[in-house]
């Protein structure tokens, strides 16, 4: 609790113009916790990609719905309807890795990384934090920061690994989400509860 992960992310959300998040599991509490810095980055013109998975149906359909709203721009509102300021050039794209498509190459999907790039910014975290309240706020998480300036080879490997995994993802659409929501609701989970919330 004395060193929440989000405290390390906020300054990077405020500076980066390219943000790439890979979270095996996404919970609605995490989307809500990240909403302010995420919206601020997008409205500032940053391009954000979020990649998650459907492994064990732990990712909440409600969380994906919130991300879909952000992706479509429904959550981007202009406080001043008469403003002549141009709309943000940034945006959000979301994909989901379908675990069935990974087999037999991999039996699970459990990676996490947070990448920030831009003028004077090159940092990546690889570790244990999913996109959830616990992971961002008060959970015991281990995340290793790699700075491009100090270790460009390791930083490039993280970036390239995200890109390769991104190509395996399916675009988040309302049709896909409807099907996932039905599948997730039909599954009875008996899993650890510290990073999993009721949908």
C-alpha atoms as a PDB file:
ATOM      1  CA  UNK A   1       0.000   0.000   0.000  1.00  0.00           C
ATOM      2  CA  UNK A   2       2.974   2.303   0.591  1.00  0.00           C
ATOM      3  CA  UNK A   3       4.180   1.928  -3.005  1.00  0.00           C
ATOM      4  CA  UNK A   4       1.195   1.446  -5.349  1.00  0.00           C
ATOM      5  CA  UNK A   5       1.964   0.604  -8.968  1.00  0.00           C
ATOM      6  CA  UNK A   6      -0.331   3.363 -10.244  1.00  0.00           C
ATOM      7  CA  UNK A   7       1.937   5.989  -8.655  1.00  0.00           C
ATOM      8  CA  UNK A   8       4.706   4.837 -11.010  1.00  0.00           C
ATOM      9  CA  UNK A   9       2.374   4.853 -14.029  1.00  0.00           C
ATOM     10  CA  UNK A  10       0.710   8.264 -13.656  1.00  0.00           C
ATOM     11  CA  UNK A  11       3.759  10.385 -14.628  1.00  0.00           C
ATOM     12  CA  UNK A  12       4.307   8.227 -17.709  1.00  0.00           C
ATOM     13  CA  UNK A  13       0.654   8.458 -18.766  1.00  0.00           C
ATOM     14  CA  UNK A  14       1.087  12.235 -18.567  1.00  0.00           C
ATOM     15  CA  UNK A  15       4.110  12.265 -20.913  1.00  0.00           C
ATOM     16  CA  UNK A  16       3.971   9.350 -23.330  1.00  0.00           C
ATOM     17  CA  UNK A  17       2.359   9.647 -26.751  1.00  0.00           C
ATOM     18  CA  UNK A  18       2.305   5.872 -27.306  1.00  0.00           C
ATOM     19  CA  UNK A  19       1.104   3.551 -24.546  1.00  0.00           C
ATOM     20  CA  UNK A  20       0.820  -0.227 -24.831  1.00  0.00           C
ATOM     21  CA  UNK A  21      -0.695  -2.333 -22.061  1.00  0.00           C
ATOM     22  CA  UNK A  22      -0.708  -6.115 -21.997  1.00  0.00           C
ATOM     23  CA  UNK A  23      -2.794  -7.485 -19.127  1.00  0.00           C
ATOM     24  CA  UNK A  24      -3.831 -11.115 -19.141  1.00  0.00           C
ATOM     25  CA  UNK A  25      -6.875 -10.194 -17.060  1.00  0.00           C
ATOM     26  CA  UNK A  26      -8.884  -6.975 -17.014  1.00  0.00           C
ATOM     27  CA  UNK A  27     -11.281  -6.125 -14.177  1.00  0.00           C
ATOM     28  CA  UNK A  28     -13.774  -3.257 -14.229  1.00  0.00           C
ATOM     29  CA  UNK A  29     -12.273  -1.836 -11.042  1.00  0.00           C
ATOM     30  CA  UNK A  30      -8.941  -1.502 -12.862  1.00  0.00           C
ATOM     31  CA  UNK A  31     -10.493   0.238 -15.854  1.00  0.00           C
ATOM     32  CA  UNK A  32     -12.216   2.684 -13.509  1.00  0.00           C
ATOM     33  CA  UNK A  33      -9.016   3.220 -11.513  1.00  0.00           C
ATOM     34  CA  UNK A  34      -7.108   3.963 -14.721  1.00  0.00           C
ATOM     35  CA  UNK A  35      -9.872   5.984 -16.391  1.00  0.00           C
ATOM     36  CA  UNK A  36      -8.628   9.481 -15.471  1.00  0.00           C
ATOM     37  CA  UNK A  37      -5.001   9.123 -16.616  1.00  0.00           C
ATOM     38  CA  UNK A  38      -6.088   7.081 -19.632  1.00  0.00           C
ATOM     39  CA  UNK A  39      -8.646   9.653 -20.777  1.00  0.00           C
ATOM     40  CA  UNK A  40      -6.206  12.491 -20.155  1.00  0.00           C
ATOM     41  CA  UNK A  41      -3.575  10.764 -22.303  1.00  0.00           C
ATOM     42  CA  UNK A  42      -6.026  10.108 -25.149  1.00  0.00           C
ATOM     43  CA  UNK A  43      -7.414  13.650 -25.033  1.00  0.00           C
ATOM     44  CA  UNK A  44      -3.831  14.929 -25.136  1.00  0.00           C
ATOM     45  CA  UNK A  45      -3.317  12.957 -28.354  1.00  0.00           C
ATOM     46  CA  UNK A  46      -1.702   9.737 -27.150  1.00  0.00           C
ATOM     47  CA  UNK A  47      -2.351   6.467 -28.949  1.00  0.00           C
ATOM     48  CA  UNK A  48      -3.112   3.611 -26.566  1.00  0.00           C
ATOM     49  CA  UNK A  49      -3.335  -0.089 -27.276  1.00  0.00           C
ATOM     50  CA  UNK A  50      -4.648  -2.522 -24.669  1.00  0.00           C
ATOM     51  CA  UNK A  51      -4.293  -6.253 -25.176  1.00  0.00           C
ATOM     52  CA  UNK A  52      -5.936  -8.727 -22.831  1.00  0.00           C
ATOM     53  CA  UNK A  53      -7.064 -12.327 -22.922  1.00  0.00           C
ATOM     54  CA  UNK A  54     -10.059 -14.581 -22.386  1.00  0.00           C
ATOM     55  CA  UNK A  55      -8.102 -17.254 -20.493  1.00  0.00           C
ATOM     56  CA  UNK A  56     -10.386 -18.975 -17.954  1.00  0.00           C
ATOM     57  CA  UNK A  57     -12.921 -16.170 -18.588  1.00  0.00           C
ATOM     58  CA  UNK A  58     -11.400 -14.134 -15.752  1.00  0.00           C
ATOM     59  CA  UNK A  59     -11.475 -10.911 -17.765  1.00  0.00           C
ATOM     60  CA  UNK A  60     -14.788  -9.253 -16.953  1.00  0.00           C
ATOM     61  CA  UNK A  61     -17.245  -8.610 -19.766  1.00  0.00           C
ATOM     62  CA  UNK A  62     -18.184  -5.409 -17.922  1.00  0.00           C
ATOM     63  CA  UNK A  63     -14.556  -4.250 -18.085  1.00  0.00           C
ATOM     64  CA  UNK A  64     -14.415  -4.965 -21.797  1.00  0.00           C
ATOM     65  CA  UNK A  65     -17.659  -3.024 -22.243  1.00  0.00           C
ATOM     66  CA  UNK A  66     -16.063  -0.011 -20.556  1.00  0.00           C
ATOM     67  CA  UNK A  67     -13.025  -0.315 -22.812  1.00  0.00           C
ATOM     68  CA  UNK A  68     -15.248  -0.652 -25.864  1.00  0.00           C
ATOM     69  CA  UNK A  69     -16.984   2.601 -24.902  1.00  0.00           C
ATOM     70  CA  UNK A  70     -13.601   4.290 -24.543  1.00  0.00           C
ATOM     71  CA  UNK A  71     -12.466   2.830 -27.849  1.00  0.00           C
ATOM     72  CA  UNK A  72     -15.529   4.149 -29.655  1.00  0.00           C
ATOM     73  CA  UNK A  73     -15.032   7.563 -28.091  1.00  0.00           C
ATOM     74  CA  UNK A  74     -18.295   7.498 -26.125  1.00  0.00           C
ATOM     75  CA  UNK A  75     -16.416   8.290 -22.921  1.00  0.00           C
ATOM     76  CA  UNK A  76     -14.559  11.214 -24.491  1.00  0.00           C
ATOM     77  CA  UNK A  77     -16.784  14.177 -23.773  1.00  0.00           C
ATOM     78  CA  UNK A  78     -16.128  17.842 -24.318  1.00  0.00           C
ATOM     79  CA  UNK A  79     -16.995  19.919 -21.260  1.00  0.00           C
ATOM     80  CA  UNK A  80     -17.523  22.951 -23.455  1.00  0.00           C
ATOM     81  CA  UNK A  81     -19.980  22.211 -26.245  1.00  0.00           C
ATOM     82  CA  UNK A  82     -19.162  25.550 -27.906  1.00  0.00           C
ATOM     83  CA  UNK A  83     -15.417  24.961 -27.815  1.00  0.00           C
ATOM     84  CA  UNK A  84     -13.565  25.629 -31.052  1.00  0.00           C
ATOM     85  CA  UNK A  85     -10.641  23.464 -29.904  1.00  0.00           C
ATOM     86  CA  UNK A  86     -10.083  20.448 -32.175  1.00  0.00           C
ATOM     87  CA  UNK A  87     -10.913  16.988 -30.892  1.00  0.00           C
ATOM     88  CA  UNK A  88      -8.021  14.832 -29.688  1.00  0.00           C
ATOM     89  CA  UNK A  89      -5.930  13.122 -32.330  1.00  0.00           C
ATOM     90  CA  UNK A  90      -5.239  10.176 -30.040  1.00  0.00           C
ATOM     91  CA  UNK A  91      -7.281   7.083 -29.521  1.00  0.00           C
ATOM     92  CA  UNK A  92      -7.630   3.625 -28.040  1.00  0.00           C
ATOM     93  CA  UNK A  93      -7.587   0.209 -29.671  1.00  0.00           C
ATOM     94  CA  UNK A  94      -8.371  -2.969 -27.772  1.00  0.00           C
ATOM     95  CA  UNK A  95      -7.759  -6.580 -28.739  1.00  0.00           C
ATOM     96  CA  UNK A  96      -8.341  -9.889 -26.965  1.00  0.00           C
ATOM     97  CA  UNK A  97      -6.154 -12.977 -27.304  1.00  0.00           C
ATOM     98  CA  UNK A  98      -8.398 -16.023 -27.487  1.00  0.00           C
ATOM     99  CA  UNK A  99      -6.640 -18.749 -25.515  1.00  0.00           C
ATOM    100  CA  UNK A 100      -8.111 -21.558 -27.617  1.00  0.00           C
ATOM    101  CA  UNK A 101      -6.208 -20.193 -30.605  1.00  0.00           C
ATOM    102  CA  UNK A 102      -2.879 -20.461 -28.738  1.00  0.00           C
ATOM    103  CA  UNK A 103      -3.098 -24.217 -28.318  1.00  0.00           C
ATOM    104  CA  UNK A 104      -1.077 -26.407 -28.657  1.00  0.00           C
ATOM    105  CA  UNK A 105       1.668 -23.767 -28.710  1.00  0.00           C
ATOM    106  CA  UNK A 106       0.726 -22.512 -25.226  1.00  0.00           C
ATOM    107  CA  UNK A 107      -1.657 -23.842 -22.593  1.00  0.00           C
ATOM    108  CA  UNK A 108      -2.113 -20.549 -20.693  1.00  0.00           C
ATOM    109  CA  UNK A 109      -2.135 -16.807 -21.351  1.00  0.00           C
ATOM    110  CA  UNK A 110      -0.726 -14.880 -18.409  1.00  0.00           C
ATOM    111  CA  UNK A 111       1.641 -12.052 -19.552  1.00  0.00           C
ATOM    112  CA  UNK A 112       1.696  -8.471 -18.226  1.00  0.00           C
ATOM    113  CA  UNK A 113       3.594  -5.449 -19.524  1.00  0.00           C
ATOM    114  CA  UNK A 114       3.121  -1.685 -19.525  1.00  0.00           C
ATOM    115  CA  UNK A 115       5.040   0.258 -22.199  1.00  0.00           C
ATOM    116  CA  UNK A 116       5.375   4.032 -22.519  1.00  0.00           C
ATOM    117  CA  UNK A 117       7.051   5.793 -25.464  1.00  0.00           C
ATOM    118  CA  UNK A 118       7.419   9.362 -26.651  1.00  0.00           C
ATOM    119  CA  UNK A 119       9.741  12.342 -26.674  1.00  0.00           C
ATOM    120  CA  UNK A 120      12.058  11.802 -23.730  1.00  0.00           C
ATOM    121  CA  UNK A 121      10.053   8.758 -22.605  1.00  0.00           C
ATOM    122  CA  UNK A 122      10.981   5.133 -23.049  1.00  0.00           C
ATOM    123  CA  UNK A 123       9.985   2.876 -20.178  1.00  0.00           C
ATOM    124  CA  UNK A 124       8.445  -0.552 -19.810  1.00  0.00           C
ATOM    125  CA  UNK A 125       7.293  -2.512 -16.789  1.00  0.00           C
ATOM    126  CA  UNK A 126       7.148  -6.288 -16.892  1.00  0.00           C
ATOM    127  CA  UNK A 127       5.795  -8.120 -13.907  1.00  0.00           C
ATOM    128  CA  UNK A 128       2.688  -9.261 -12.142  1.00  0.00           C
ATOM    129  CA  UNK A 129       0.205  -6.372 -12.459  1.00  0.00           C
ATOM    130  CA  UNK A 130      -2.997  -7.004 -14.356  1.00  0.00           C
ATOM    131  CA  UNK A 131      -5.519  -4.232 -14.985  1.00  0.00           C
ATOM    132  CA  UNK A 132      -7.363  -4.382 -11.662  1.00  0.00           C
ATOM    133  CA  UNK A 133      -7.795  -2.249  -8.568  1.00  0.00           C
ATOM    134  CA  UNK A 134      -5.644  -4.592  -6.497  1.00  0.00           C
ATOM    135  CA  UNK A 135      -2.823  -4.640  -9.034  1.00  0.00           C
ATOM    136  CA  UNK A 136      -2.799  -0.845  -9.364  1.00  0.00           C
ATOM    137  CA  UNK A 137      -3.471   0.165  -5.784  1.00  0.00           C
ATOM    138  CA  UNK A 138      -2.966  -2.102  -2.816  1.00  0.00           C
ATOM    139  CA  UNK A 139      -1.911  -5.555  -3.984  1.00  0.00           C
ATOM    140  CA  UNK A 140       1.522  -7.074  -3.466  1.00  0.00           C
ATOM    141  CA  UNK A 141       2.923  -6.838  -6.991  1.00  0.00           C
ATOM    142  CA  UNK A 142       6.397  -7.150  -8.466  1.00  0.00           C
ATOM    143  CA  UNK A 143       7.095  -5.141 -11.607  1.00  0.00           C
ATOM    144  CA  UNK A 144      10.533  -4.579 -13.101  1.00  0.00           C
ATOM    145  CA  UNK A 145      11.083  -1.283 -14.923  1.00  0.00           C
ATOM    146  CA  UNK A 146      13.241  -1.262 -18.049  1.00  0.00           C
ATOM    147  CA  UNK A 147      14.348   2.141 -19.331  1.00  0.00           C
ATOM    148  CA  UNK A 148      15.185   2.435 -23.022  1.00  0.00           C
ATOM    149  CA  UNK A 149      18.081   4.759 -22.309  1.00  0.00           C
ATOM    150  CA  UNK A 150      19.744   2.350 -19.861  1.00  0.00           C
ATOM    151  CA  UNK A 151      18.983  -0.943 -21.588  1.00  0.00           C
ATOM    152  CA  UNK A 152      17.819  -0.431 -25.179  1.00  0.00           C
ATOM    153  CA  UNK A 153      18.124  -4.125 -26.040  1.00  0.00           C
ATOM    154  CA  UNK A 154      15.816  -5.265 -23.232  1.00  0.00           C
ATOM    155  CA  UNK A 155      13.392  -2.403 -23.914  1.00  0.00           C
ATOM    156  CA  UNK A 156      13.218  -3.316 -27.620  1.00  0.00           C
ATOM    157  CA  UNK A 157      12.585  -6.953 -26.712  1.00  0.00           C
ATOM    158  CA  UNK A 158       9.571  -5.975 -24.588  1.00  0.00           C
ATOM    159  CA  UNK A 159       8.231  -3.716 -27.374  1.00  0.00           C
ATOM    160  CA  UNK A 160       8.740  -6.391 -30.036  1.00  0.00           C
ATOM    161  CA  UNK A 161       7.130  -9.054 -27.836  1.00  0.00           C
ATOM    162  CA  UNK A 162       4.066  -6.850 -27.354  1.00  0.00           C
ATOM    163  CA  UNK A 163       3.850  -6.282 -31.113  1.00  0.00           C
ATOM    164  CA  UNK A 164       4.067 -10.002 -31.859  1.00  0.00           C
ATOM    165  CA  UNK A 165       1.392 -10.789 -29.265  1.00  0.00           C
ATOM    166  CA  UNK A 166      -0.808  -7.941 -30.573  1.00  0.00           C
ATOM    167  CA  UNK A 167      -0.952  -9.646 -33.984  1.00  0.00           C
ATOM    168  CA  UNK A 168      -2.540 -12.680 -32.289  1.00  0.00           C
ATOM    169  CA  UNK A 169      -5.378 -10.634 -30.809  1.00  0.00           C
ATOM    170  CA  UNK A 170      -8.932 -10.300 -32.044  1.00  0.00           C
ATOM    171  CA  UNK A 171     -10.388  -6.797 -32.321  1.00  0.00           C
ATOM    172  CA  UNK A 172     -12.806  -6.000 -29.524  1.00  0.00           C
ATOM    173  CA  UNK A 173     -16.231  -5.448 -31.084  1.00  0.00           C
ATOM    174  CA  UNK A 174     -19.751  -5.509 -29.687  1.00  0.00           C
ATOM    175  CA  UNK A 175     -20.430  -8.806 -31.470  1.00  0.00           C
ATOM    176  CA  UNK A 176     -17.343 -10.455 -29.978  1.00  0.00           C
ATOM    177  CA  UNK A 177     -18.148  -9.034 -26.550  1.00  0.00           C
ATOM    178  CA  UNK A 178     -21.736 -10.345 -26.641  1.00  0.00           C
ATOM    179  CA  UNK A 179     -20.468 -13.866 -27.328  1.00  0.00           C
ATOM    180  CA  UNK A 180     -17.783 -13.628 -24.656  1.00  0.00           C
ATOM    181  CA  UNK A 181     -20.262 -12.326 -22.099  1.00  0.00           C
ATOM    182  CA  UNK A 182     -22.491 -15.355 -22.676  1.00  0.00           C
ATOM    183  CA  UNK A 183     -19.558 -17.770 -22.424  1.00  0.00           C
ATOM    184  CA  UNK A 184     -18.164 -16.138 -19.286  1.00  0.00           C
ATOM    185  CA  UNK A 185     -21.572 -16.126 -17.570  1.00  0.00           C
ATOM    186  CA  UNK A 186     -21.948 -19.856 -18.225  1.00  0.00           C
ATOM    187  CA  UNK A 187     -18.624 -20.730 -16.595  1.00  0.00           C
ATOM    188  CA  UNK A 188     -18.446 -21.431 -12.874  1.00  0.00           C
ATOM    189  CA  UNK A 189     -15.086 -20.211 -11.555  1.00  0.00           C
ATOM    190  CA  UNK A 190     -13.409 -21.540  -8.443  1.00  0.00           C
ATOM    191  CA  UNK A 191     -10.360 -19.294  -8.532  1.00  0.00           C
ATOM    192  CA  UNK A 192      -8.343 -17.184  -6.089  1.00  0.00           C
ATOM    193  CA  UNK A 193     -10.295 -14.025  -5.336  1.00  0.00           C
ATOM    194  CA  UNK A 194      -7.621 -11.409  -4.707  1.00  0.00           C
ATOM    195  CA  UNK A 195      -7.509 -10.205  -8.298  1.00  0.00           C
ATOM    196  CA  UNK A 196     -10.906 -11.420  -9.455  1.00  0.00           C
ATOM    197  CA  UNK A 197     -14.193  -9.625  -8.859  1.00  0.00           C
ATOM    198  CA  UNK A 198     -17.790 -10.653  -9.438  1.00  0.00           C
ATOM    199  CA  UNK A 199     -19.044  -9.542 -12.861  1.00  0.00           C
END
